[in-house]
């Protein structure tokens, strides 16, 4: 059965990890149902990432706390959806929640988090450009990189890649934010999947075009 919070004060410790360690400007928007939201800044930092510690005056009938991690005044969101912290998970009126960049899951146990290398996003910017973000930097100077990065359509046909351009510029050795250029234009009616050894495949998002 669901155990309701006893009401009163709950200390919320929200732990936030960004793979790029770029925390400047990121803050948290919190709200209880029927009440105005409030913006709060991260304070301390630990081995996991930034930490926001705040006291929540929870109504006895409130089971959830709305949360959005945003950049400055809504310049961007970490995840483009509302998320809700389960207040019934509090123990002795203390609730620890872990959040990972690009992962919509709210974790209540650090041991449940998988920080292995993965794609964060792959978005089509134009018919021959795919912007890619990864959790761990990839060696962009690897002479075999264009063979290791594999883009396939729904027919499992491999799309030829002609260039990988890191956001940091051509002089960088590793990058977790880069653009793939294809040799031919991609079909907007197709579905494309990007893969790399040791990473889970990701479906290319067409929303930005």
Protein backbone atom coordinates (compact mmCIF):
# COMPACT_ATOMS: atom_id res chain seq x y z
CA UNK A 1 0.00 0.00 0.00
CA UNK A 2 1.03 3.61 -0.59
CA UNK A 3 2.31 5.29 2.54
CA UNK A 4 1.48 8.97 2.57
CA UNK A 5 4.01 11.48 3.87
CA UNK A 6 3.28 12.51 7.42
CA UNK A 7 3.23 16.16 6.39
CA UNK A 8 5.54 18.84 7.65
CA UNK A 9 9.10 19.27 6.51
CA UNK A 10 10.94 16.89 4.16
CA UNK A 11 14.60 17.51 3.39
CA UNK A 12 15.10 16.94 -0.33
CA UNK A 13 18.62 16.25 -1.59
CA UNK A 14 18.57 16.39 -5.39
CA UNK A 15 21.78 15.09 -6.98
CA UNK A 16 22.35 16.09 -10.62
CA UNK A 17 25.03 14.73 -12.95
CA UNK A 18 25.98 16.32 -16.25
CA UNK A 19 28.42 14.30 -18.33
CA UNK A 20 29.99 17.49 -19.68
CA UNK A 21 30.39 18.91 -16.13
CA UNK A 22 28.94 22.21 -17.46
CA UNK A 23 26.64 23.20 -14.59
CA UNK A 24 26.68 26.98 -15.04
CA UNK A 25 23.14 28.34 -15.35
CA UNK A 26 21.36 25.06 -14.61
CA UNK A 27 18.76 25.24 -11.84
CA UNK A 28 15.66 23.43 -10.61
CA UNK A 29 12.00 24.42 -10.88
CA UNK A 30 9.90 22.74 -8.16
CA UNK A 31 6.18 22.86 -7.46
CA UNK A 32 3.46 21.16 -5.46
CA UNK A 33 0.10 20.57 -7.09
CA UNK A 34 -2.07 23.64 -6.83
CA UNK A 35 0.80 25.86 -5.67
CA UNK A 36 3.13 28.26 -7.45
CA UNK A 37 6.50 26.94 -8.59
CA UNK A 38 9.85 28.16 -7.34
CA UNK A 39 13.34 28.25 -8.90
CA UNK A 40 16.18 26.92 -6.77
CA UNK A 41 19.92 26.79 -7.45
CA UNK A 42 22.26 23.91 -6.88
CA UNK A 43 24.57 24.49 -3.93
CA UNK A 44 27.23 21.95 -3.04
CA UNK A 45 29.00 19.40 -5.21
CA UNK A 46 30.00 15.81 -4.53
CA UNK A 47 31.58 12.96 -6.51
CA UNK A 48 28.32 12.43 -8.42
CA UNK A 49 27.67 16.04 -9.44
CA UNK A 50 25.82 19.09 -8.16
CA UNK A 51 23.51 18.88 -5.15
CA UNK A 52 20.44 20.89 -4.27
CA UNK A 53 19.33 20.58 -0.64
CA UNK A 54 16.05 22.19 0.34
CA UNK A 55 13.23 21.68 2.82
CA UNK A 56 9.82 20.90 1.40
CA UNK A 57 6.77 21.73 3.50
CA UNK A 58 4.66 18.87 2.23
CA UNK A 59 0.91 18.76 2.66
CA UNK A 60 -0.15 15.37 4.12
CA UNK A 61 -2.19 14.67 0.97
CA UNK A 62 0.67 15.55 -1.41
CA UNK A 63 2.36 12.44 -2.77
CA UNK A 64 4.42 14.06 -5.54
CA UNK A 65 6.60 17.07 -6.15
CA UNK A 66 6.87 18.45 -9.69
CA UNK A 67 10.38 19.04 -11.00
CA UNK A 68 12.05 20.49 -14.10
CA UNK A 69 15.78 20.97 -14.47
CA UNK A 70 16.24 24.01 -16.68
CA UNK A 71 18.93 26.32 -18.04
CA UNK A 72 18.66 29.90 -16.74
CA UNK A 73 15.13 31.27 -17.30
CA UNK A 74 13.76 28.46 -19.49
CA UNK A 75 16.53 28.75 -22.09
CA UNK A 76 16.52 24.93 -22.25
CA UNK A 77 15.36 21.90 -20.29
CA UNK A 78 17.41 18.83 -19.45
CA UNK A 79 14.39 16.68 -20.29
CA UNK A 80 11.48 18.23 -22.18
CA UNK A 81 8.80 16.88 -19.87
CA UNK A 82 7.53 17.36 -16.35
CA UNK A 83 8.85 14.87 -13.82
CA UNK A 84 7.44 14.07 -10.41
CA UNK A 85 9.39 13.13 -7.29
CA UNK A 86 7.68 10.47 -5.19
CA UNK A 87 7.56 11.97 -1.70
CA UNK A 88 6.54 8.64 -0.19
CA UNK A 89 10.12 7.47 -0.75
CA UNK A 90 11.33 9.76 2.03
CA UNK A 91 12.89 8.02 5.04
CA UNK A 92 12.92 9.81 8.37
CA UNK A 93 11.77 12.89 6.46
CA UNK A 94 14.88 12.81 4.23
CA UNK A 95 14.61 12.12 0.50
CA UNK A 96 17.60 11.62 -1.80
CA UNK A 97 16.96 11.69 -5.55
CA UNK A 98 19.55 11.25 -8.31
CA UNK A 99 19.10 12.71 -11.79
CA UNK A 100 21.36 12.12 -14.81
CA UNK A 101 21.63 14.40 -17.84
CA UNK A 102 19.40 13.25 -20.68
CA UNK A 103 17.83 10.43 -18.62
CA UNK A 104 14.17 10.93 -17.69
CA UNK A 105 14.29 8.39 -14.84
CA UNK A 106 14.35 9.67 -11.27
CA UNK A 107 16.57 7.38 -9.19
CA UNK A 108 16.06 6.80 -5.49
CA UNK A 109 19.08 4.52 -5.14
CA UNK A 110 22.52 5.40 -6.50
CA UNK A 111 23.21 1.73 -7.24
CA UNK A 112 20.43 1.69 -9.87
CA UNK A 113 22.20 4.19 -12.15
CA UNK A 114 24.02 2.99 -15.26
CA UNK A 115 26.79 5.42 -16.20
CA UNK A 116 28.26 3.29 -18.96
CA UNK A 117 29.04 5.07 -22.29
CA UNK A 118 25.96 5.84 -24.39
CA UNK A 119 24.50 8.24 -26.90
CA UNK A 120 22.63 11.17 -25.38
CA UNK A 121 21.14 12.35 -28.66
CA UNK A 122 21.38 12.16 -32.44
CA UNK A 123 19.46 14.87 -34.29
CA UNK A 124 19.18 15.65 -37.98
CA UNK A 125 20.13 19.32 -38.55
CA UNK A 126 19.88 19.16 -42.34
CA UNK A 127 19.55 16.36 -44.87
CA UNK A 128 23.28 15.58 -44.66
CA UNK A 129 24.11 16.61 -41.08
CA UNK A 130 23.49 14.70 -37.85
CA UNK A 131 24.40 16.32 -34.52
CA UNK A 132 25.52 13.76 -31.94
CA UNK A 133 26.07 13.97 -28.20
CA UNK A 134 27.58 11.15 -26.12
CA UNK A 135 28.08 10.60 -22.41
CA UNK A 136 31.78 9.90 -22.85
CA UNK A 137 34.16 11.55 -25.35
CA UNK A 138 34.97 9.61 -28.52
CA UNK A 139 38.38 9.66 -30.17
CA UNK A 140 37.68 11.85 -33.20
CA UNK A 141 41.26 11.41 -34.45
CA UNK A 142 40.77 7.65 -34.77
CA UNK A 143 41.57 6.87 -38.45
CA UNK A 144 38.88 4.16 -38.40
CA UNK A 145 36.20 6.33 -36.80
CA UNK A 146 34.06 6.55 -39.95
CA UNK A 147 33.95 2.74 -39.99
CA UNK A 148 33.10 2.45 -36.28
CA UNK A 149 30.29 5.00 -36.41
CA UNK A 150 27.55 3.25 -38.37
CA UNK A 151 24.42 4.90 -39.71
CA UNK A 152 21.76 2.54 -41.11
CA UNK A 153 18.30 2.99 -42.54
CA UNK A 154 15.26 0.81 -41.84
CA UNK A 155 16.37 -1.60 -44.57
CA UNK A 156 19.65 -2.12 -42.68
CA UNK A 157 21.57 -0.38 -45.44
CA UNK A 158 24.71 1.44 -44.29
CA UNK A 159 24.83 5.15 -45.09
CA UNK A 160 28.26 6.42 -46.13
CA UNK A 161 29.73 9.03 -43.77
CA UNK A 162 32.26 11.51 -45.16
CA UNK A 163 33.24 13.62 -42.13
CA UNK A 164 33.09 13.90 -38.35
CA UNK A 165 33.41 17.50 -37.13
CA UNK A 166 33.75 18.09 -33.36
CA UNK A 167 32.09 21.14 -31.83
CA UNK A 168 35.43 22.09 -30.25
CA UNK A 169 37.08 22.34 -33.69
CA UNK A 170 39.32 20.15 -35.80
CA UNK A 171 42.29 20.40 -33.43
CA UNK A 172 40.54 18.51 -30.62
CA UNK A 173 41.41 14.85 -30.01
CA UNK A 174 38.28 13.65 -28.24
CA UNK A 175 34.72 14.99 -28.29
CA UNK A 176 31.30 14.16 -26.89
CA UNK A 177 29.57 16.73 -29.10
CA UNK A 178 30.13 16.43 -32.84
CA UNK A 179 28.43 16.52 -36.23
CA UNK A 180 28.33 13.69 -38.76
CA UNK A 181 28.22 14.61 -42.44
CA UNK A 182 26.78 12.05 -44.85
CA UNK A 183 27.93 11.60 -48.46
CA UNK A 184 24.36 11.78 -49.75
CA UNK A 185 21.17 13.44 -48.52
CA UNK A 186 19.08 11.43 -46.11
CA UNK A 187 15.50 10.53 -46.91
CA UNK A 188 13.17 12.34 -44.48
CA UNK A 189 10.63 9.53 -44.88
CA UNK A 190 13.15 6.96 -43.60
CA UNK A 191 14.26 5.94 -40.11
CA UNK A 192 17.96 5.94 -39.30
CA UNK A 193 19.86 4.30 -36.47
CA UNK A 194 23.33 5.27 -35.29
CA UNK A 195 25.66 2.79 -33.62
CA UNK A 196 29.18 2.72 -32.16
CA UNK A 197 31.04 -0.17 -30.47
CA UNK A 198 30.17 -0.40 -26.78
CA UNK A 199 27.23 2.02 -27.09
CA UNK A 200 23.52 1.28 -27.28
CA UNK A 201 22.08 2.15 -30.72
CA UNK A 202 20.10 5.38 -30.97
CA UNK A 203 17.35 6.42 -33.38
CA UNK A 204 18.09 9.68 -35.22
CA UNK A 205 15.64 12.40 -34.27
CA UNK A 206 14.20 14.50 -37.12
CA UNK A 207 12.50 17.15 -34.95
CA UNK A 208 15.10 19.84 -35.64
CA UNK A 209 14.52 19.88 -39.40
